[in-house]
Amino acid sequence: MAGGPTRTVTLMYDVIIIGGGPAGLNAALMLGRARRSVIVIDQGMPRNAHAQAMHGFLSRDGIAPHELLRISRAQLRPYGVKILEGEAVDAARHRSHFAVKLHDGRRLHGRKLLLATGLRDQLPRLEGLTDLYGKSVHHCAYCDGWEWREKALAAYGRGKAGLGLALMLKGWSDDVVVLTDGGSVGLSRYRALIKRNGLCIRNQKITRLQGKNGRLKCIVFEDGSIIERDALFFNTGQRQKSDLAEKLGCQFSRNGGVITDRRERTCVPGLFLAGDASKEVQFVICAAAEGAIAAVAINKEFQEEERRIL
């Protein structure tokens, strides 16, 4: 008896999670324990990859970021969560599910989609920064300020961005210099504030950062002058690491973050977002918490849908 045409069976996951950082992995943990089929797509480029240690996470303060991810992945195994190394390059919402396209052409299908794609920091274009980033050059004062308390610090940022960062750093050290790298426009109106807080403003263009073994030693300016500093913090903006939220029709706030409700729902039915991509408080512990909140909301939607079917 002749066989009929071969039919392709499409595997449908309950939830596809794009992003394997704290938000995505904690969501996967909660959903796996709720007996949902989950796959996590991870590009393997975490925002804090250059950091020596992660801080502000109760019971995990000081742990290396890659070690936290290793432990997290291991704890997902009993719940059947799949981890797929790769990049999601496109996604579309259909009537009953989402389709996600990977960089190698493969497609995954899931009833719900959680974006945990995070942000990418816009690094200052300074010679010598690469060797110092994550060791003595940082983007987060709360993450690394304690290690440089009472040291000579530099706050890098154009105009008000640099001034605001410097005022924050004053909580860790009295010795803070503002580096505008030639972008001092708008600071004249804050003269009284600058004087009251004892800040020094250096407006010259920067030639390079000098250091050794990851430790900043001094900053060299275009006019030949030099200032010694122990660490530099910068405030030069961020951007979405992925354009999938935009492609799927999400709404964005004025600062470029994806708008979600208190349960991490976006304006697109079935689509959730957790972690730094919302541009709210950007700490590892907050991202993990948002992942848990999103997971509970996703599972609740499943339960409501299943009750309607019965």
Protein backbone atom coordinates (compact mmCIF):
# COMPACT_ATOMS: atom_id res chain seq x y z
CA MET A 1 0.00 0.00 0.00
CA ALA A 2 1.48 3.28 -1.11
CA GLY A 3 2.18 5.76 1.63
CA GLY A 4 0.66 9.24 1.64
CA PRO A 5 2.58 12.50 1.50
CA THR A 6 4.93 13.19 4.39
CA ARG A 7 3.55 15.73 6.84
CA THR A 8 5.80 18.11 8.73
CA VAL A 9 4.96 18.22 12.42
CA THR A 10 5.49 21.66 13.95
CA LEU A 11 6.65 21.55 17.55
CA MET A 12 4.73 24.13 19.57
CA TYR A 13 6.27 25.32 22.83
CA ASP A 14 4.18 26.90 25.51
CA VAL A 15 6.66 29.75 25.86
CA ILE A 16 9.61 30.97 23.85
CA ILE A 17 11.99 33.17 25.83
CA ILE A 18 14.47 35.28 23.90
CA GLY A 19 17.38 36.22 26.13
CA GLY A 20 19.26 34.02 28.58
CA GLY A 21 20.14 36.55 31.27
CA PRO A 22 18.67 36.79 34.79
CA ALA A 23 15.23 37.89 33.56
CA GLY A 24 14.89 35.15 30.95
CA LEU A 25 16.31 32.38 33.11
CA ASN A 26 14.25 33.22 36.18
CA ALA A 27 11.12 33.29 34.04
CA ALA A 28 12.11 29.91 32.61
CA LEU A 29 12.59 28.53 36.12
CA MET A 30 9.13 29.60 37.24
CA LEU A 31 7.44 28.40 34.07
CA GLY A 32 9.30 25.09 34.11
CA ARG A 33 8.14 24.48 37.66
CA ALA A 34 4.60 25.26 36.47
CA ARG A 35 5.01 22.36 34.00
CA ARG A 36 5.09 24.53 30.90
CA SER A 37 7.24 23.61 27.91
CA VAL A 38 9.87 26.33 27.61
CA ILE A 39 12.77 27.06 25.31
CA VAL A 40 15.29 29.85 25.93
CA ILE A 41 17.19 31.36 22.99
CA ASP A 42 20.45 32.85 24.18
CA GLN A 43 22.88 34.80 22.02
CA GLY A 44 25.58 34.49 24.70
CA MET A 45 26.47 38.20 24.91
CA PRO A 46 25.34 39.43 28.36
CA ARG A 47 25.50 43.14 29.11
CA ASN A 48 27.75 42.57 32.13
CA ALA A 49 30.14 40.20 30.35
CA HIS A 50 33.11 42.49 31.11
CA ALA A 51 32.29 42.88 34.81
CA GLN A 52 34.55 41.20 37.33
CA ALA A 53 31.78 40.69 39.86
CA MET A 54 28.05 41.22 40.24
CA HIS A 55 26.66 43.13 43.21
CA GLY A 56 23.36 44.00 44.84
CA PHE A 57 21.90 40.48 44.64
CA LEU A 58 21.18 39.14 48.12
CA SER A 59 23.07 35.84 48.74
CA ARG A 60 25.03 36.28 45.49
CA ASP A 61 26.85 39.58 46.11
CA GLY A 62 30.31 39.48 44.54
CA ILE A 63 29.73 36.45 42.33
CA ALA A 64 31.14 36.51 38.79
CA PRO A 65 28.35 37.09 36.24
CA HIS A 66 29.24 33.98 34.21
CA GLU A 67 29.10 31.88 37.37
CA LEU A 68 25.58 33.09 38.15
CA LEU A 69 24.50 32.08 34.65
CA ARG A 70 26.16 28.68 35.00
CA ILE A 71 24.35 27.96 38.27
CA SER A 72 21.06 29.22 36.85
CA ARG A 73 21.24 27.00 33.79
CA ALA A 74 22.07 23.98 35.90
CA GLN A 75 19.03 24.59 38.08
CA LEU A 76 16.75 24.58 35.02
CA ARG A 77 17.60 21.02 33.99
CA PRO A 78 15.18 19.16 36.31
CA TYR A 79 12.27 21.10 34.80
CA GLY A 80 12.95 20.24 31.17
CA VAL A 81 13.72 23.79 30.06
CA LYS A 82 15.66 23.79 26.78
CA ILE A 83 18.51 26.22 26.13
CA LEU A 84 19.28 27.00 22.51
CA GLU A 85 22.47 28.89 21.66
CA GLY A 86 21.70 31.28 18.85
CA GLU A 87 20.30 34.61 17.79
CA ALA A 88 16.65 35.37 17.12
CA VAL A 89 16.59 37.69 14.11
CA ASP A 90 12.86 37.97 13.48
CA ALA A 91 9.52 37.24 15.10
CA ALA A 92 5.89 37.46 14.06
CA ARG A 93 2.58 37.09 15.83
CA HIS A 94 -0.02 34.81 14.29
CA ARG A 95 -3.60 34.21 15.37
CA SER A 96 -2.78 31.60 17.98
CA HIS A 97 0.99 31.71 18.42
CA PHE A 98 4.31 33.40 17.72
CA ALA A 99 6.90 32.32 15.15
CA VAL A 100 10.55 33.11 15.81
CA LYS A 101 13.23 32.93 13.13
CA LEU A 102 16.83 32.16 14.09
CA HIS A 103 20.00 33.39 12.40
CA ASP A 104 20.51 29.97 10.78
CA GLY A 105 17.04 29.92 9.24
CA ARG A 106 15.37 27.64 11.77
CA ARG A 107 11.94 28.60 13.07
CA LEU A 108 10.44 28.04 16.49
CA HIS A 109 6.78 28.32 17.46
CA GLY A 110 5.33 29.20 20.84
CA ARG A 111 1.97 30.09 22.29
CA LYS A 112 3.49 32.96 24.29
CA LEU A 113 6.64 34.98 23.77
CA LEU A 114 8.80 36.66 26.41
CA LEU A 115 11.46 39.14 25.36
CA ALA A 116 14.36 39.40 27.80
CA THR A 117 16.76 40.88 25.29
CA GLY A 118 18.17 43.69 27.43
CA LEU A 119 20.10 46.79 26.48
CA ARG A 120 23.48 47.63 25.01
CA ASP A 121 25.54 50.43 26.58
CA GLN A 122 26.96 53.00 24.19
CA LEU A 123 30.61 53.02 25.19
CA PRO A 124 32.64 56.22 24.98
CA ARG A 125 34.96 56.24 22.00
CA LEU A 126 38.16 56.64 23.97
CA GLU A 127 41.53 55.15 23.18
CA GLY A 128 42.53 52.72 25.91
CA LEU A 129 39.00 52.07 27.18
CA THR A 130 38.74 48.48 25.96
CA ASP A 131 41.48 47.17 28.25
CA LEU A 132 40.00 48.98 31.27
CA TYR A 133 36.27 48.35 30.80
CA GLY A 134 34.80 46.26 33.60
CA LYS A 135 37.93 46.63 35.74
CA SER A 136 38.33 50.36 36.40
CA VAL A 137 35.91 51.84 33.85
CA HIS A 138 32.25 51.22 34.61
CA HIS A 139 28.72 52.19 33.56
CA CYS A 140 26.95 51.66 36.91
CA ALA A 141 27.82 53.48 40.14
CA TYR A 142 25.57 51.24 42.24
CA CYS A 143 27.25 48.16 40.81
CA ASP A 144 30.87 49.24 41.25
CA GLY A 145 30.98 52.44 43.31
CA TRP A 146 31.72 50.69 46.61
CA GLU A 147 34.96 49.22 45.26
CA TRP A 148 36.18 52.76 44.47
CA ARG A 149 34.98 54.53 47.63
CA GLU A 150 37.19 57.46 48.67
CA LYS A 151 39.23 57.14 45.48
CA ALA A 152 39.88 59.68 42.73
CA LEU A 153 36.96 59.28 40.32
CA ALA A 154 36.02 60.67 36.91
CA ALA A 155 32.45 61.10 35.66
CA TYR A 156 32.34 61.02 31.85
CA GLY A 157 29.35 62.49 30.04
CA ARG A 158 28.36 65.38 27.81
CA GLY A 159 26.61 68.30 29.49
CA LYS A 160 23.97 67.47 32.07
CA ALA A 161 24.57 63.70 31.77
CA GLY A 162 28.09 64.01 33.12
CA LEU A 163 27.06 66.43 35.86
CA GLY A 164 24.26 64.17 37.07
CA LEU A 165 26.61 61.20 37.19
CA ALA A 166 29.19 63.21 39.14
CA LEU A 167 26.64 64.25 41.74
CA MET A 168 25.70 60.60 42.19
CA LEU A 169 29.34 59.56 42.57
CA LYS A 170 29.78 62.09 45.37
CA GLY A 171 28.05 59.52 47.56
CA TRP A 172 31.11 57.28 47.20
CA SER A 173 33.94 59.81 47.03
CA ASP A 174 34.54 63.51 47.59
CA ASP A 175 37.11 63.56 44.79
CA VAL A 176 35.06 63.57 41.57
CA VAL A 177 35.98 65.30 38.30
CA VAL A 178 33.52 65.80 35.45
CA LEU A 179 34.86 65.02 31.97
CA THR A 180 32.74 66.53 29.18
CA ASP A 181 35.18 65.63 26.36
CA GLY A 182 34.38 68.92 24.68
CA GLY A 183 30.63 68.75 25.30
CA SER A 184 30.09 71.33 28.04
CA VAL A 185 27.01 72.96 26.49
CA GLY A 186 24.32 73.74 29.05
CA LEU A 187 26.47 73.50 32.18
CA SER A 188 26.75 77.26 32.77
CA ARG A 189 23.29 77.35 34.34
CA TYR A 190 24.47 74.92 37.02
CA ARG A 191 27.43 76.97 38.24
CA ALA A 192 26.05 77.36 41.75
CA LEU A 193 25.32 73.64 42.02
CA ILE A 194 28.79 72.75 40.74
CA LYS A 195 30.48 75.11 43.19
CA ARG A 196 28.35 73.98 46.13
CA ASN A 197 29.31 70.35 45.54
CA GLY A 198 32.99 71.05 44.98
CA LEU A 199 33.08 69.59 41.48
CA CYS A 200 35.87 70.19 38.99
CA ILE A 201 34.81 70.39 35.33
CA ARG A 202 37.31 69.43 32.63
CA ASN A 203 35.98 70.46 29.21
CA GLN A 204 39.02 69.54 27.10
CA LYS A 205 38.83 66.83 24.48
CA ILE A 206 40.31 63.56 25.69
CA THR A 207 43.13 61.90 23.76
CA ARG A 208 43.34 58.61 25.63
CA LEU A 209 43.01 56.70 28.87
CA GLN A 210 46.23 55.29 30.29
CA GLY A 211 46.44 52.32 32.61
CA LYS A 212 48.07 48.99 33.28
CA ASN A 213 46.65 45.53 33.94
CA GLY A 214 43.12 46.88 33.79
CA ARG A 215 43.75 49.67 36.28
CA LEU A 216 43.28 53.27 35.15
CA LYS A 217 46.20 55.54 35.95
CA CYS A 218 45.52 58.83 34.22
CA ILE A 219 43.54 60.64 31.54
CA VAL A 220 45.42 62.49 28.79
CA PHE A 221 43.79 65.52 27.18
CA GLU A 222 44.24 66.93 23.69
CA ASP A 223 46.05 70.01 25.04
CA GLY A 224 48.70 67.78 26.63
CA SER A 225 47.50 68.06 30.21
CA ILE A 226 47.03 64.97 32.37
CA ILE A 227 44.86 64.15 35.36
CA GLU A 228 45.38 61.12 37.56
CA ARG A 229 42.27 59.06 38.33
CA ASP A 230 41.67 55.65 39.89
CA ALA A 231 38.39 54.87 38.10
CA LEU A 232 36.07 56.31 35.48
CA PHE A 233 32.28 55.99 35.29
CA PHE A 234 30.40 56.99 32.16
CA ASN A 235 26.89 58.09 31.22
CA THR A 236 26.65 57.99 27.44
CA GLY A 237 23.29 56.35 26.84
CA GLN A 238 21.93 52.95 25.94
CA ARG A 239 19.98 51.36 23.14
CA GLN A 240 17.86 48.28 22.70
CA LYS A 241 19.98 45.21 22.10
CA SER A 242 17.31 43.73 19.82
CA ASP A 243 14.81 45.25 17.40
CA LEU A 244 12.26 42.47 17.93
CA ALA A 245 10.05 44.55 20.24
CA GLU A 246 9.77 47.19 17.53
CA LYS A 247 9.09 44.60 14.82
CA LEU A 248 6.31 43.07 16.91
CA GLY A 249 4.59 46.42 17.41
CA CYS A 250 5.46 47.28 21.02
CA GLN A 251 5.04 50.79 22.35
CA PHE A 252 8.08 52.70 23.59
CA SER A 253 8.52 55.37 26.23
CA ARG A 254 10.29 58.67 25.60
CA ASN A 255 13.57 57.27 26.92
CA GLY A 256 13.45 54.34 24.49
CA GLY A 257 12.24 51.66 26.90
CA VAL A 258 9.50 49.19 26.01
CA ILE A 259 6.25 50.01 27.81
CA THR A 260 4.81 47.19 29.91
CA ASP A 261 2.13 46.97 32.58
CA ARG A 262 2.81 45.89 36.15
CA ARG A 263 2.66 42.23 35.07
CA GLU A 264 5.24 42.77 32.29
CA ARG A 265 2.62 42.57 29.51
CA THR A 266 3.25 44.62 26.38
CA CYS A 267 0.49 46.11 24.22
CA VAL A 268 0.75 43.03 21.96
CA PRO A 269 -1.45 40.14 23.16
CA GLY A 270 0.62 37.18 24.35
CA LEU A 271 3.87 39.15 24.26
CA PHE A 272 5.72 39.93 27.50
CA LEU A 273 8.96 41.73 28.24
CA ALA A 274 11.18 41.62 31.33
CA GLY A 275 14.55 43.02 32.32
CA ASP A 276 16.61 46.01 31.24
CA ALA A 277 14.81 46.51 27.92
CA SER A 278 12.06 48.35 29.78
CA LYS A 279 14.74 50.84 30.94
CA GLU A 280 13.49 50.90 34.51
CA VAL A 281 15.82 50.08 37.45
CA GLN A 282 18.61 48.10 35.81
CA PHE A 283 19.99 45.67 38.38
CA VAL A 284 20.40 41.92 38.04
CA ILE A 285 18.13 41.29 41.01
CA CYS A 286 15.40 43.50 39.49
CA ALA A 287 15.67 41.75 36.11
CA ALA A 288 15.30 38.37 37.82
CA ALA A 289 12.27 39.62 39.74
CA GLU A 290 10.66 40.94 36.55
CA GLY A 291 11.22 37.54 34.97
CA ALA A 292 9.35 35.89 37.84
CA ILE A 293 6.49 38.40 37.58
CA ALA A 294 6.20 37.80 33.83
CA ALA A 295 6.22 34.03 34.35
CA VAL A 296 3.33 34.17 36.81
CA ALA A 297 1.35 36.41 34.44
CA ILE A 298 2.02 34.07 31.51
CA ASN A 299 0.98 30.99 33.46
CA LYS A 300 -2.16 32.76 34.66
CA GLU A 301 -3.11 33.52 31.06
CA PHE A 302 -2.64 29.86 30.18
CA GLN A 303 -4.84 28.80 33.10
CA GLU A 304 -7.60 31.23 32.10
CA GLU A 305 -7.46 30.03 28.49
CA GLU A 306 -7.58 26.40 29.57
CA ARG A 307 -10.61 26.98 31.80
CA ARG A 308 -12.44 28.57 28.87
CA ILE A 309 -11.85 25.45 26.78
CA LEU A 310 -13.25 23.06 29.40
